[in-house]
């Protein structure tokens, strides 16, 4: 478990069992895969332990709970909750899963403290599909704001000291979420769309369009990639509503909007709703934000399709082609390699080197000094590369063999002769069955 957590927090490209085991310095990923597939451990108890740990290390009376969702790109249709939808991670419609997360932030640091998997109706309406993915029968459809409400209630019951809750417009436009936060006594700063309706006043952008020019102040909301992000800000107080607040309201509601300084007035507004308790400090653009720049990752995430690299200098990185790694020889045997299980030759079939594999080998060839206790030696990196490419070759053979059997079953041997040449290549490297 310790190696698994360190791998998740470490500079590992893809968080799969192979790369996590390689980063931890293990010879094979068998133990990590057993931890994820066969070991019994309760994720809810680990979450509770994590919240106690974060409360002890980072807890402050004015802590902030941040709600947001993100997408994880997936292939296939077996993973729980996978479906084609818009993903903010990819910036387009992709096959992905959506998770709703809660993070805790103070001036001492920030950490993720809770999560929920979003299941679309295409999954919750198909109980057989849910059982195949080991989803409990009592799990029903819930919107993202409903999942956020569940996490907020769990965070309130935990030892985390929380004073504010913040989220984007996907959650801020949900009236029931705002009402629940007011009933629990938490202040909130939630983004809302421009078309958000304010009781007795209409659209919220119409309210700010009537504000005079002197009501807008130039303020920076933090440093970005190109320097300070300066906008024009305006705030107005929203009157209390007797149906919700009663005769003695306990909160004040404010609307905060920002406007670009390079565009004409009224071009676009990004309103925020924020509420404050009467005994707290008055909300406004002068209040310092404990989150800072929210620690966003610079750059853009890109997916690179692996492709063979046929440059002669790069082939020297292949351990199977090097004279010093020609394979174990039998005593007195005339250069024959030992046969492994199932009659396959040890290292006889490897997939070609890809760009991603070459980058990984070059990165492990010069490890940083700060991670010397976990860095891979050159021999270990080559051994892992050979092991990984051999497993990929086995998966390739199984895939094309299954496709070949499918083609033969559908149309007979006539289409088997027109099957891809790569099938015959991979099969020719294996001994013919008896």
Protein backbone atom coordinates (compact mmCIF):
# COMPACT_ATOMS: atom_id res chain seq x y z
CA UNK A 1 0.00 0.00 0.00
CA UNK A 2 2.84 2.42 0.79
CA UNK A 3 4.44 1.87 -2.63
CA UNK A 4 1.05 2.32 -4.28
CA UNK A 5 0.43 5.68 -2.56
CA UNK A 6 3.95 6.88 -3.35
CA UNK A 7 3.45 5.95 -6.98
CA UNK A 8 0.17 7.87 -7.16
CA UNK A 9 1.86 10.95 -5.70
CA UNK A 10 5.09 10.53 -7.66
CA UNK A 11 6.05 11.68 -11.17
CA UNK A 12 4.57 8.64 -12.94
CA UNK A 13 3.13 9.23 -16.41
CA UNK A 14 0.25 6.74 -16.32
CA UNK A 15 -0.97 5.39 -12.99
CA UNK A 16 -1.19 1.72 -13.98
CA UNK A 17 0.21 -1.32 -12.23
CA UNK A 18 3.19 -1.65 -14.53
CA UNK A 19 4.51 1.87 -14.15
CA UNK A 20 3.72 2.06 -10.43
CA UNK A 21 5.67 -1.15 -9.82
CA UNK A 22 8.56 0.12 -11.94
CA UNK A 23 8.65 3.39 -9.99
CA UNK A 24 8.60 1.48 -6.68
CA UNK A 25 11.61 -0.61 -7.77
CA UNK A 26 9.83 -3.97 -7.95
CA UNK A 27 10.68 -6.65 -10.49
CA UNK A 28 7.05 -7.37 -11.52
CA UNK A 29 3.67 -5.67 -10.93
CA UNK A 30 2.13 -8.84 -9.45
CA UNK A 31 1.87 -7.59 -5.87
CA UNK A 32 0.44 -4.20 -6.83
CA UNK A 33 -2.08 -5.84 -9.14
CA UNK A 34 -3.11 -8.21 -6.37
CA UNK A 35 -3.62 -5.21 -4.07
CA UNK A 36 -6.05 -3.65 -6.55
CA UNK A 37 -7.78 -6.82 -7.79
CA UNK A 38 -7.79 -9.37 -4.97
CA UNK A 39 -6.97 -7.70 -1.66
CA UNK A 40 -9.86 -6.72 0.63
CA UNK A 41 -9.78 -3.18 2.01
CA UNK A 42 -12.48 -0.61 2.68
CA UNK A 43 -12.16 2.62 0.70
CA UNK A 44 -14.54 4.46 3.05
CA UNK A 45 -12.38 3.71 6.09
CA UNK A 46 -9.29 4.92 4.21
CA UNK A 47 -11.16 8.12 3.34
CA UNK A 48 -12.05 8.67 7.01
CA UNK A 49 -8.43 8.12 8.05
CA UNK A 50 -7.32 10.58 5.37
CA UNK A 51 -9.72 13.26 6.63
CA UNK A 52 -8.43 12.83 10.18
CA UNK A 53 -4.86 13.14 8.91
CA UNK A 54 -5.63 16.28 6.87
CA UNK A 55 -7.47 17.86 9.81
CA UNK A 56 -4.43 17.37 12.05
CA UNK A 57 -1.87 18.62 9.51
CA UNK A 58 -3.75 21.33 7.57
CA UNK A 59 -6.86 22.15 9.61
CA UNK A 60 -7.69 25.83 10.30
CA UNK A 61 -10.94 27.46 11.47
CA UNK A 62 -11.44 29.22 8.12
CA UNK A 63 -10.85 26.12 5.96
CA UNK A 64 -12.34 25.98 2.47
CA UNK A 65 -13.98 22.96 0.83
CA UNK A 66 -13.62 22.97 -2.99
CA UNK A 67 -16.02 20.95 -5.15
CA UNK A 68 -15.22 20.08 -8.75
CA UNK A 69 -15.43 17.22 -11.24
CA UNK A 70 -12.96 15.88 -13.76
CA UNK A 71 -12.93 13.27 -16.51
CA UNK A 72 -10.74 10.21 -17.01
CA UNK A 73 -10.29 9.03 -20.58
CA UNK A 74 -11.03 5.34 -21.02
CA UNK A 75 -11.21 2.76 -23.78
CA UNK A 76 -14.02 0.25 -24.12
CA UNK A 77 -17.37 -0.04 -22.33
CA UNK A 78 -16.58 -2.24 -19.30
CA UNK A 79 -15.23 0.32 -16.81
CA UNK A 80 -17.88 1.49 -14.34
CA UNK A 81 -19.59 4.70 -15.46
CA UNK A 82 -17.80 4.97 -18.81
CA UNK A 83 -19.71 6.77 -21.56
CA UNK A 84 -19.10 9.19 -24.41
CA UNK A 85 -19.52 12.71 -23.11
CA UNK A 86 -17.73 16.04 -23.03
CA UNK A 87 -14.53 15.88 -21.01
CA UNK A 88 -12.84 19.01 -19.75
CA UNK A 89 -9.56 17.08 -19.50
CA UNK A 90 -9.54 16.40 -23.24
CA UNK A 91 -11.48 19.53 -24.26
CA UNK A 92 -13.82 17.53 -26.49
CA UNK A 93 -16.32 14.68 -26.46
CA UNK A 94 -14.52 11.47 -25.49
CA UNK A 95 -15.16 8.08 -23.97
CA UNK A 96 -14.49 8.77 -20.30
CA UNK A 97 -15.58 8.46 -16.70
CA UNK A 98 -16.54 11.42 -14.50
CA UNK A 99 -15.59 11.76 -10.86
CA UNK A 100 -16.73 14.44 -8.41
CA UNK A 101 -14.03 15.44 -5.93
CA UNK A 102 -13.78 17.48 -2.76
CA UNK A 103 -10.54 19.22 -1.77
CA UNK A 104 -9.68 20.93 1.50
CA UNK A 105 -7.55 24.09 1.40
CA UNK A 106 -6.10 26.44 3.98
CA UNK A 107 -3.08 28.71 4.17
CA UNK A 108 -1.08 25.67 5.35
CA UNK A 109 -1.76 23.57 2.24
CA UNK A 110 -4.42 21.65 0.32
CA UNK A 111 -5.37 18.02 -0.22
CA UNK A 112 -8.11 15.86 -1.73
CA UNK A 113 -10.40 14.50 0.99
CA UNK A 114 -13.37 12.82 -0.76
CA UNK A 115 -14.67 11.60 -4.10
CA UNK A 116 -17.73 10.08 -5.76
CA UNK A 117 -18.10 8.32 -9.11
CA UNK A 118 -20.81 9.73 -11.37
CA UNK A 119 -22.99 7.03 -12.94
CA UNK A 120 -25.12 8.15 -15.92
CA UNK A 121 -28.64 6.84 -16.46
CA UNK A 122 -27.41 4.45 -19.15
CA UNK A 123 -25.68 2.58 -16.32
CA UNK A 124 -28.20 2.84 -13.50
CA UNK A 125 -31.05 1.70 -15.78
CA UNK A 126 -29.10 -1.45 -16.74
CA UNK A 127 -28.75 -3.47 -13.53
CA UNK A 128 -27.04 -6.41 -15.24
CA UNK A 129 -24.33 -4.11 -16.48
CA UNK A 130 -23.93 -2.65 -12.99
CA UNK A 131 -23.62 -6.11 -11.41
CA UNK A 132 -20.97 -7.07 -13.96
CA UNK A 133 -18.99 -3.99 -12.88
CA UNK A 134 -19.56 -4.82 -9.16
CA UNK A 135 -21.78 -1.78 -8.57
CA UNK A 136 -24.15 -2.30 -5.62
CA UNK A 137 -27.84 -2.66 -6.41
CA UNK A 138 -28.74 0.14 -4.01
CA UNK A 139 -26.74 2.64 -6.05
CA UNK A 140 -29.22 4.73 -8.05
CA UNK A 141 -28.86 7.69 -10.37
CA UNK A 142 -27.65 10.91 -8.73
CA UNK A 143 -26.71 14.19 -10.36
CA UNK A 144 -23.35 15.82 -9.77
CA UNK A 145 -24.81 18.43 -7.36
CA UNK A 146 -26.45 15.58 -5.40
CA UNK A 147 -23.08 13.85 -5.13
CA UNK A 148 -21.55 17.15 -4.02
CA UNK A 149 -24.22 17.50 -1.31
CA UNK A 150 -23.38 14.02 -0.03
CA UNK A 151 -19.69 14.89 0.20
CA UNK A 152 -20.41 18.19 1.97
CA UNK A 153 -22.48 16.42 4.61
CA UNK A 154 -19.71 13.87 5.12
CA UNK A 155 -17.14 16.65 5.43
CA UNK A 156 -19.28 18.42 8.04
CA UNK A 157 -19.48 15.20 10.07
CA UNK A 158 -15.69 14.75 9.81
CA UNK A 159 -13.12 16.55 12.01
CA UNK A 160 -12.29 18.96 9.15
CA UNK A 161 -12.92 22.58 10.24
CA UNK A 162 -14.82 24.18 7.34
CA UNK A 163 -16.01 27.77 7.03
CA UNK A 164 -16.50 28.19 3.27
CA UNK A 165 -17.52 26.06 0.27
CA UNK A 166 -16.68 26.97 -3.32
CA UNK A 167 -17.54 25.44 -6.71
CA UNK A 168 -18.09 26.36 -10.35
CA UNK A 169 -21.37 27.14 -12.11
CA UNK A 170 -22.28 23.46 -12.59
CA UNK A 171 -22.95 23.35 -8.85
CA UNK A 172 -23.67 27.01 -8.12
CA UNK A 173 -26.81 27.03 -10.25
CA UNK A 174 -28.35 24.28 -8.11
CA UNK A 175 -30.70 26.03 -5.67
CA UNK A 176 -31.00 23.01 -3.37
CA UNK A 177 -27.23 22.93 -2.85
CA UNK A 178 -27.14 26.61 -1.91
CA UNK A 179 -30.09 26.11 0.42
CA UNK A 180 -28.43 23.15 2.11
CA UNK A 181 -25.23 25.15 2.69
CA UNK A 182 -27.23 27.97 4.30
CA UNK A 183 -29.08 25.53 6.57
CA UNK A 184 -25.80 24.00 7.75
CA UNK A 185 -24.38 27.46 8.52
CA UNK A 186 -21.58 27.40 5.93
CA UNK A 187 -20.60 30.36 3.82
CA UNK A 188 -20.18 29.75 0.12
CA UNK A 189 -18.73 31.33 -3.03
CA UNK A 190 -20.38 29.65 -6.03
CA UNK A 191 -20.18 30.62 -9.67
CA UNK A 192 -23.50 30.91 -11.51
CA UNK A 193 -24.34 31.39 -15.21
CA UNK A 194 -25.33 34.80 -16.56
CA UNK A 195 -28.92 33.61 -16.94
CA UNK A 196 -29.25 32.87 -13.20
CA UNK A 197 -32.56 34.21 -11.89
CA UNK A 198 -32.57 36.34 -8.74
CA UNK A 199 -35.95 36.41 -6.94
CA UNK A 200 -37.84 39.68 -7.47
CA UNK A 201 -35.01 41.05 -9.71
CA UNK A 202 -34.75 38.83 -12.80
CA UNK A 203 -31.52 37.79 -14.49
CA UNK A 204 -28.35 38.44 -12.57
CA UNK A 205 -26.48 39.92 -15.54
CA UNK A 206 -29.24 42.55 -15.94
CA UNK A 207 -28.56 43.71 -12.39
CA UNK A 208 -24.88 44.32 -13.07
CA UNK A 209 -25.58 45.98 -16.42
CA UNK A 210 -27.29 48.79 -14.46
CA UNK A 211 -24.28 49.38 -12.21
CA UNK A 212 -22.48 52.72 -12.77
CA UNK A 213 -18.88 52.83 -13.98
CA UNK A 214 -17.53 53.91 -10.59
CA UNK A 215 -18.91 50.68 -9.07
CA UNK A 216 -16.32 48.63 -10.98
CA UNK A 217 -12.83 48.31 -9.47
CA UNK A 218 -9.69 46.92 -11.06
CA UNK A 219 -8.42 43.98 -9.02
CA UNK A 220 -6.08 41.06 -9.63
CA UNK A 221 -7.32 37.56 -8.85
CA UNK A 222 -3.81 36.08 -8.84
CA UNK A 223 -0.84 35.54 -11.10
CA UNK A 224 -1.27 33.53 -14.29
CA UNK A 225 1.08 32.29 -16.99
CA UNK A 226 1.29 35.81 -18.44
CA UNK A 227 1.41 37.76 -15.20
CA UNK A 228 -1.33 39.18 -12.96
CA UNK A 229 -4.89 38.41 -14.07
CA UNK A 230 -6.55 41.80 -13.75
CA UNK A 231 -10.32 42.25 -14.10
CA UNK A 232 -12.96 44.78 -13.20
CA UNK A 233 -15.00 43.69 -10.17
CA UNK A 234 -18.35 44.82 -8.79
CA UNK A 235 -20.38 43.56 -5.83
CA UNK A 236 -23.99 44.15 -4.79
CA UNK A 237 -26.01 42.91 -1.86
CA UNK A 238 -29.13 40.86 -2.56
CA UNK A 239 -32.11 41.52 -0.36
CA UNK A 240 -33.29 38.76 1.95
CA UNK A 241 -36.26 36.58 1.00
CA UNK A 242 -38.88 36.09 3.68
CA UNK A 243 -39.98 32.71 2.33
CA UNK A 244 -36.47 31.33 2.88
CA UNK A 245 -34.88 33.56 5.52
CA UNK A 246 -37.81 34.33 7.80
CA UNK A 247 -38.02 37.46 9.88
CA UNK A 248 -34.48 37.16 11.27
CA UNK A 249 -32.10 36.16 8.47
CA UNK A 250 -28.82 34.59 9.54
CA UNK A 251 -26.93 35.22 6.29
CA UNK A 252 -26.22 38.01 3.87
CA UNK A 253 -26.26 37.25 0.16
CA UNK A 254 -23.94 39.07 -2.20
CA UNK A 255 -23.40 38.85 -5.93
CA UNK A 256 -19.86 39.41 -7.20
CA UNK A 257 -19.12 39.83 -10.92
CA UNK A 258 -15.96 40.32 -12.92
CA UNK A 259 -15.55 41.94 -16.32
CA UNK A 260 -12.68 41.92 -18.77
CA UNK A 261 -10.72 45.16 -18.98
CA UNK A 262 -9.94 44.65 -22.69
CA UNK A 263 -13.56 44.26 -23.81
CA UNK A 264 -16.29 46.89 -23.86
CA UNK A 265 -18.58 47.12 -20.82
CA UNK A 266 -21.47 44.70 -20.85
CA UNK A 267 -19.74 42.30 -23.24
CA UNK A 268 -19.50 39.43 -20.79
CA UNK A 269 -20.02 39.00 -17.08
CA UNK A 270 -18.97 36.15 -14.87
CA UNK A 271 -21.18 36.49 -11.79
CA UNK A 272 -20.58 34.78 -8.47
CA UNK A 273 -22.97 34.34 -5.58
CA UNK A 274 -21.45 34.53 -2.16
CA UNK A 275 -22.94 34.56 1.28
CA UNK A 276 -21.50 35.58 4.63
CA UNK A 277 -22.65 35.27 8.22
CA UNK A 278 -23.44 38.49 10.03
CA UNK A 279 -20.65 38.01 12.54
CA UNK A 280 -18.07 37.36 9.79
CA UNK A 281 -16.08 39.82 7.76
CA UNK A 282 -18.02 41.57 5.01
CA UNK A 283 -17.50 39.97 1.60
CA UNK A 284 -15.92 41.98 -1.15
CA UNK A 285 -13.07 42.08 -3.63
CA UNK A 286 -10.62 43.21 -0.91
CA UNK A 287 -10.89 39.91 0.99
CA UNK A 288 -7.73 37.81 0.58
CA UNK A 289 -8.19 34.38 -0.97
CA UNK A 290 -6.59 31.51 0.92
CA UNK A 291 -6.46 29.39 -2.24
CA UNK A 292 -4.12 31.63 -4.22
CA UNK A 293 -3.76 30.38 -7.77
CA UNK A 294 -5.37 26.97 -6.83
CA UNK A 295 -2.22 25.18 -7.95
CA UNK A 296 -3.29 24.57 -11.54
CA UNK A 297 -0.95 22.49 -13.66
CA UNK A 298 0.74 24.46 -16.44
CA UNK A 299 0.63 23.30 -20.01
CA UNK A 300 -1.82 21.03 -21.78
CA UNK A 301 -2.36 17.31 -21.51
CA UNK A 302 -1.86 15.55 -24.82
CA UNK A 303 -2.30 11.96 -25.87
CA UNK A 304 0.44 10.68 -28.18
CA UNK A 305 -0.21 7.59 -30.28
CA UNK A 306 2.72 5.16 -29.95
CA UNK A 307 4.54 4.42 -33.18
CA UNK A 308 7.65 2.38 -34.00
CA UNK A 309 11.04 4.07 -34.00
CA UNK A 310 13.40 2.55 -36.56
CA UNK A 311 16.44 4.72 -36.13
CA UNK A 312 19.56 2.50 -35.73
CA UNK A 313 20.97 4.41 -32.71
CA UNK A 314 17.71 3.88 -30.78
CA UNK A 315 17.83 0.13 -31.31
CA UNK A 316 20.91 0.00 -29.10
CA UNK A 317 18.63 0.56 -26.12
CA UNK A 318 16.97 -2.82 -26.76
CA UNK A 319 18.40 -5.35 -24.32
CA UNK A 320 17.49 -8.29 -26.56
CA UNK A 321 19.62 -6.92 -29.42
CA UNK A 322 22.70 -6.16 -27.35
CA UNK A 323 25.49 -8.72 -27.30
CA UNK A 324 25.75 -8.53 -23.51
CA UNK A 325 22.05 -9.32 -23.11
CA UNK A 326 21.67 -12.06 -25.69
CA UNK A 327 19.76 -14.21 -23.19
CA UNK A 328 20.64 -16.99 -20.78
CA UNK A 329 22.47 -19.91 -22.41
CA UNK A 330 22.35 -23.52 -21.38
CA UNK A 331 25.63 -25.07 -20.18
CA UNK A 332 27.13 -26.78 -23.16
CA UNK A 333 24.15 -25.82 -25.31
CA UNK A 334 25.09 -24.29 -28.64
CA UNK A 335 23.70 -20.83 -27.99
CA UNK A 336 20.14 -22.02 -27.40
CA UNK A 337 17.88 -19.94 -25.20
CA UNK A 338 15.88 -21.51 -22.39
CA UNK A 339 12.23 -22.01 -23.12
CA UNK A 340 9.71 -20.53 -20.72
CA UNK A 341 6.15 -21.59 -20.03
CA UNK A 342 3.74 -22.59 -22.77
CA UNK A 343 6.62 -23.29 -25.14
CA UNK A 344 7.31 -19.61 -25.83
CA UNK A 345 10.87 -18.39 -26.23
CA UNK A 346 12.17 -16.05 -23.59
CA UNK A 347 12.42 -12.68 -25.31
CA UNK A 348 11.88 -14.09 -28.82
CA UNK A 349 8.92 -11.83 -29.63
CA UNK A 350 9.02 -8.17 -28.58
CA UNK A 351 6.94 -5.30 -29.89
CA UNK A 352 8.99 -2.58 -31.63
CA UNK A 353 10.31 0.34 -29.63
CA UNK A 354 7.82 3.20 -29.45
CA UNK A 355 8.35 6.90 -28.83
CA UNK A 356 6.89 6.61 -25.32
CA UNK A 357 9.19 3.68 -24.50
CA UNK A 358 12.28 5.54 -25.73
CA UNK A 359 11.32 8.58 -23.67
CA UNK A 360 10.93 6.39 -20.59
CA UNK A 361 14.34 4.78 -21.12
CA UNK A 362 16.05 8.12 -21.64
CA UNK A 363 14.36 9.56 -18.54
CA UNK A 364 15.45 6.66 -16.34
CA UNK A 365 18.98 6.80 -17.70
CA UNK A 366 19.62 10.08 -15.87
CA UNK A 367 17.56 10.04 -12.63
CA UNK A 368 17.39 13.18 -10.47
CA UNK A 369 19.51 13.24 -7.33
CA UNK A 370 16.53 13.98 -5.08
CA UNK A 371 14.92 10.63 -5.95
CA UNK A 372 18.09 8.54 -5.76
CA UNK A 373 16.53 6.02 -3.34
CA UNK A 374 13.77 5.22 -5.88
CA UNK A 375 15.57 5.79 -9.15
CA UNK A 376 16.02 2.92 -11.59
CA UNK A 377 19.43 1.74 -12.71
CA UNK A 378 20.12 1.32 -16.38
CA UNK A 379 20.00 -2.49 -16.16
CA UNK A 380 16.68 -2.40 -14.29
CA UNK A 381 15.20 0.01 -16.82
CA UNK A 382 16.22 -2.25 -19.70
CA UNK A 383 14.85 -5.31 -17.92
CA UNK A 384 11.51 -3.59 -17.33
CA UNK A 385 11.39 -2.43 -20.94
CA UNK A 386 11.98 -5.97 -22.18
CA UNK A 387 9.39 -7.41 -19.78
CA UNK A 388 6.81 -4.80 -20.79
CA UNK A 389 7.34 -5.28 -24.53
CA UNK A 390 7.19 -9.06 -24.17
CA UNK A 391 3.84 -8.81 -22.37
CA UNK A 392 2.57 -6.44 -25.04
CA UNK A 393 3.60 -8.95 -27.69
CA UNK A 394 1.65 -11.69 -25.90
CA UNK A 395 -1.41 -9.42 -25.75
CA UNK A 396 -0.99 -8.67 -29.47
CA UNK A 397 -0.86 -12.36 -30.34
CA UNK A 398 -3.95 -13.13 -28.26
CA UNK A 399 -5.82 -10.22 -29.80
CA UNK A 400 -5.10 -11.19 -33.40
CA UNK A 401 -5.67 -14.88 -32.69
CA UNK A 402 -9.12 -14.01 -31.34
CA UNK A 403 -9.83 -11.88 -34.40
CA UNK A 404 -8.70 -14.73 -36.65
CA UNK A 405 -11.03 -17.20 -34.94
CA UNK A 406 -13.89 -14.71 -35.22
CA UNK A 407 -13.30 -14.26 -38.94
CA UNK A 408 -13.10 -18.01 -39.50
CA UNK A 409 -16.30 -18.58 -37.56
CA UNK A 410 -18.24 -15.99 -39.53
CA UNK A 411 -17.13 -16.53 -43.10
CA UNK A 412 -15.10 -19.75 -43.20
CA UNK A 413 -11.48 -20.19 -44.30
CA UNK A 414 -11.86 -17.92 -47.33
CA UNK A 415 -11.49 -14.78 -45.19
CA UNK A 416 -8.82 -16.37 -43.03
CA UNK A 417 -6.43 -16.21 -45.99
CA UNK A 418 -7.05 -12.46 -46.23
CA UNK A 419 -6.41 -11.84 -42.52
CA UNK A 420 -3.73 -9.31 -41.55
CA UNK A 421 -0.14 -10.33 -42.20
CA UNK A 422 0.74 -9.53 -38.63
CA UNK A 423 -1.21 -12.57 -37.44
CA UNK A 424 1.00 -14.93 -39.42
CA UNK A 425 4.10 -13.07 -38.23
CA UNK A 426 3.27 -13.41 -34.54
CA UNK A 427 2.10 -17.01 -34.91
CA UNK A 428 5.20 -18.06 -36.82
CA UNK A 429 7.37 -17.11 -33.86
CA UNK A 430 5.60 -19.68 -31.67
CA UNK A 431 5.98 -23.49 -31.92
CA UNK A 432 3.15 -25.10 -33.80
CA UNK A 433 0.63 -26.88 -31.56
CA UNK A 434 0.79 -30.64 -31.46
